[in-house]
N, C-alpha and C. Protein backbone atom coordinates (compact mmCIF):
# COMPACT_ATOMS: atom_id res chain seq x y z
N MET A 1 -12.46 -3.11 -17.93
CA MET A 1 -11.35 -3.94 -17.50
C MET A 1 -10.83 -3.41 -16.18
N LEU A 2 -10.54 -4.33 -15.27
CA LEU A 2 -9.99 -4.00 -13.95
C LEU A 2 -8.55 -4.49 -13.87
N SER A 3 -7.75 -3.80 -13.08
CA SER A 3 -6.34 -4.15 -12.93
C SER A 3 -5.89 -3.90 -11.50
N MET A 4 -4.92 -4.69 -11.05
CA MET A 4 -4.26 -4.43 -9.76
C MET A 4 -2.84 -4.94 -9.84
N ALA A 5 -1.96 -4.25 -9.11
CA ALA A 5 -0.55 -4.63 -9.07
C ALA A 5 -0.19 -5.06 -7.66
N CYS A 6 0.56 -6.12 -7.55
CA CYS A 6 0.97 -6.65 -6.26
C CYS A 6 1.73 -5.58 -5.46
N LYS A 7 2.54 -4.79 -6.15
CA LYS A 7 3.33 -3.76 -5.45
C LYS A 7 2.44 -2.74 -4.76
N ASP A 8 1.20 -2.58 -5.24
CA ASP A 8 0.28 -1.59 -4.65
C ASP A 8 -0.25 -2.01 -3.28
N VAL A 9 -0.07 -3.28 -2.93
CA VAL A 9 -0.48 -3.73 -1.60
C VAL A 9 0.73 -4.01 -0.72
N GLY A 10 1.91 -3.55 -1.17
CA GLY A 10 3.08 -3.59 -0.32
C GLY A 10 4.11 -4.66 -0.60
N TYR A 11 3.90 -5.47 -1.63
CA TYR A 11 4.88 -6.50 -1.95
C TYR A 11 5.86 -5.97 -2.99
N GLN A 12 7.11 -6.38 -2.89
CA GLN A 12 8.09 -6.06 -3.92
C GLN A 12 7.98 -7.15 -4.98
N CYS A 13 7.04 -6.95 -5.88
CA CYS A 13 6.66 -7.99 -6.83
C CYS A 13 6.14 -7.29 -8.08
N GLY A 14 6.50 -7.81 -9.24
CA GLY A 14 6.08 -7.21 -10.50
C GLY A 14 4.76 -7.73 -11.05
N PHE A 15 4.07 -8.57 -10.28
CA PHE A 15 2.82 -9.17 -10.77
C PHE A 15 1.73 -8.12 -10.94
N THR A 16 1.04 -8.20 -12.06
CA THR A 16 -0.15 -7.38 -12.32
C THR A 16 -1.23 -8.31 -12.87
N ALA A 17 -2.44 -8.15 -12.41
CA ALA A 17 -3.57 -8.94 -12.90
C ALA A 17 -4.57 -8.02 -13.55
N GLU A 18 -5.20 -8.54 -14.61
CA GLU A 18 -6.29 -7.82 -15.27
C GLU A 18 -7.44 -8.79 -15.49
N ALA A 19 -8.65 -8.26 -15.39
CA ALA A 19 -9.84 -9.09 -15.60
C ALA A 19 -11.02 -8.19 -15.90
N GLU A 20 -12.07 -8.80 -16.43
CA GLU A 20 -13.28 -8.06 -16.76
C GLU A 20 -14.16 -7.79 -15.55
N SER A 21 -14.05 -8.65 -14.52
CA SER A 21 -14.90 -8.49 -13.35
C SER A 21 -14.07 -8.60 -12.07
N GLU A 22 -14.62 -8.07 -10.98
CA GLU A 22 -13.92 -8.14 -9.69
C GLU A 22 -13.73 -9.59 -9.22
N PRO A 23 -14.75 -10.44 -9.30
CA PRO A 23 -14.53 -11.84 -8.86
C PRO A 23 -13.43 -12.54 -9.66
N GLU A 24 -13.38 -12.30 -10.96
CA GLU A 24 -12.36 -12.90 -11.81
C GLU A 24 -10.97 -12.36 -11.43
N LEU A 25 -10.89 -11.06 -11.17
CA LEU A 25 -9.62 -10.45 -10.77
C LEU A 25 -9.15 -11.01 -9.43
N MET A 26 -10.06 -11.10 -8.47
CA MET A 26 -9.69 -11.61 -7.15
C MET A 26 -9.22 -13.05 -7.23
N LYS A 27 -9.81 -13.85 -8.10
CA LYS A 27 -9.38 -15.24 -8.28
C LYS A 27 -7.93 -15.26 -8.76
N LYS A 28 -7.60 -14.43 -9.75
CA LYS A 28 -6.23 -14.38 -10.26
C LYS A 28 -5.25 -13.92 -9.18
N VAL A 29 -5.65 -12.91 -8.42
CA VAL A 29 -4.79 -12.38 -7.37
C VAL A 29 -4.54 -13.44 -6.30
N MET A 30 -5.59 -14.13 -5.89
CA MET A 30 -5.45 -15.15 -4.85
C MET A 30 -4.59 -16.32 -5.33
N GLU A 31 -4.76 -16.73 -6.59
CA GLU A 31 -3.93 -17.81 -7.12
C GLU A 31 -2.47 -17.40 -7.12
N HIS A 32 -2.19 -16.16 -7.54
CA HIS A 32 -0.81 -15.65 -7.54
C HIS A 32 -0.25 -15.61 -6.12
N ALA A 33 -1.02 -15.08 -5.19
CA ALA A 33 -0.55 -14.94 -3.81
C ALA A 33 -0.22 -16.31 -3.20
N LYS A 34 -1.03 -17.30 -3.50
CA LYS A 34 -0.77 -18.65 -2.98
C LYS A 34 0.49 -19.25 -3.61
N LYS A 35 0.60 -19.12 -4.92
CA LYS A 35 1.71 -19.73 -5.65
C LYS A 35 3.04 -19.03 -5.37
N ASP A 36 3.04 -17.71 -5.47
CA ASP A 36 4.30 -16.97 -5.44
C ASP A 36 4.66 -16.36 -4.09
N HIS A 37 3.69 -16.23 -3.21
CA HIS A 37 3.96 -15.63 -1.90
C HIS A 37 3.69 -16.59 -0.74
N GLY A 38 3.30 -17.83 -1.06
CA GLY A 38 3.09 -18.84 -0.03
C GLY A 38 1.91 -18.58 0.88
N MET A 39 0.95 -17.78 0.41
CA MET A 39 -0.21 -17.49 1.25
C MET A 39 -1.17 -18.68 1.24
N LYS A 40 -1.95 -18.78 2.32
CA LYS A 40 -2.97 -19.82 2.46
C LYS A 40 -4.35 -19.15 2.45
N ASP A 41 -5.38 -19.95 2.28
CA ASP A 41 -6.74 -19.41 2.29
C ASP A 41 -7.01 -18.58 3.55
N SER A 42 -6.47 -19.04 4.67
CA SER A 42 -6.72 -18.34 5.93
C SER A 42 -6.06 -16.96 5.98
N ASP A 43 -5.11 -16.70 5.07
CA ASP A 43 -4.46 -15.39 5.01
C ASP A 43 -5.35 -14.33 4.37
N PHE A 44 -6.37 -14.76 3.65
CA PHE A 44 -7.26 -13.83 2.96
C PHE A 44 -8.39 -13.40 3.88
N THR A 45 -8.01 -12.65 4.88
CA THR A 45 -8.97 -12.11 5.85
C THR A 45 -9.80 -11.03 5.18
N PRO A 46 -10.91 -10.65 5.77
CA PRO A 46 -11.68 -9.54 5.21
C PRO A 46 -10.84 -8.27 5.05
N GLU A 47 -9.92 -8.04 5.98
CA GLU A 47 -9.06 -6.86 5.89
C GLU A 47 -8.11 -6.94 4.68
N MET A 48 -7.55 -8.13 4.44
CA MET A 48 -6.65 -8.31 3.30
C MET A 48 -7.41 -8.15 1.98
N VAL A 49 -8.59 -8.74 1.91
CA VAL A 49 -9.41 -8.62 0.70
C VAL A 49 -9.77 -7.15 0.47
N ALA A 50 -10.13 -6.43 1.52
CA ALA A 50 -10.46 -5.00 1.40
C ALA A 50 -9.25 -4.21 0.92
N LYS A 51 -8.06 -4.56 1.41
CA LYS A 51 -6.83 -3.86 1.00
C LYS A 51 -6.59 -4.08 -0.49
N VAL A 52 -6.75 -5.31 -0.95
CA VAL A 52 -6.57 -5.60 -2.37
C VAL A 52 -7.60 -4.83 -3.19
N LYS A 53 -8.86 -4.91 -2.79
CA LYS A 53 -9.91 -4.22 -3.54
C LYS A 53 -9.70 -2.71 -3.58
N SER A 54 -9.05 -2.16 -2.55
CA SER A 54 -8.85 -0.71 -2.51
C SER A 54 -7.85 -0.22 -3.55
N VAL A 55 -7.03 -1.12 -4.10
CA VAL A 55 -6.03 -0.69 -5.09
C VAL A 55 -6.42 -1.10 -6.52
N VAL A 56 -7.59 -1.67 -6.69
CA VAL A 56 -8.06 -2.05 -8.02
C VAL A 56 -8.34 -0.78 -8.83
N LYS A 57 -7.87 -0.82 -10.08
CA LYS A 57 -8.06 0.34 -10.98
C LYS A 57 -8.86 -0.10 -12.20
N LYS A 58 -9.65 0.81 -12.72
CA LYS A 58 -10.31 0.58 -14.01
C LYS A 58 -9.36 1.03 -15.09
N VAL A 59 -9.13 0.14 -16.06
CA VAL A 59 -8.23 0.46 -17.17
C VAL A 59 -8.94 0.33 -18.49
């Protein structure tokens, strides 16, 4: 199981996502970021994706 917390990438947000795979986790994170932080697809640059992936933990 993989997990990441929004606060770990610098947002003051209590959101945490868990998933069995990285693609599934990234989908949840991106959906949350769009819905709750007003992000657009163009905001998910390679640097942003790398930042998110760098804080993913195995739980």
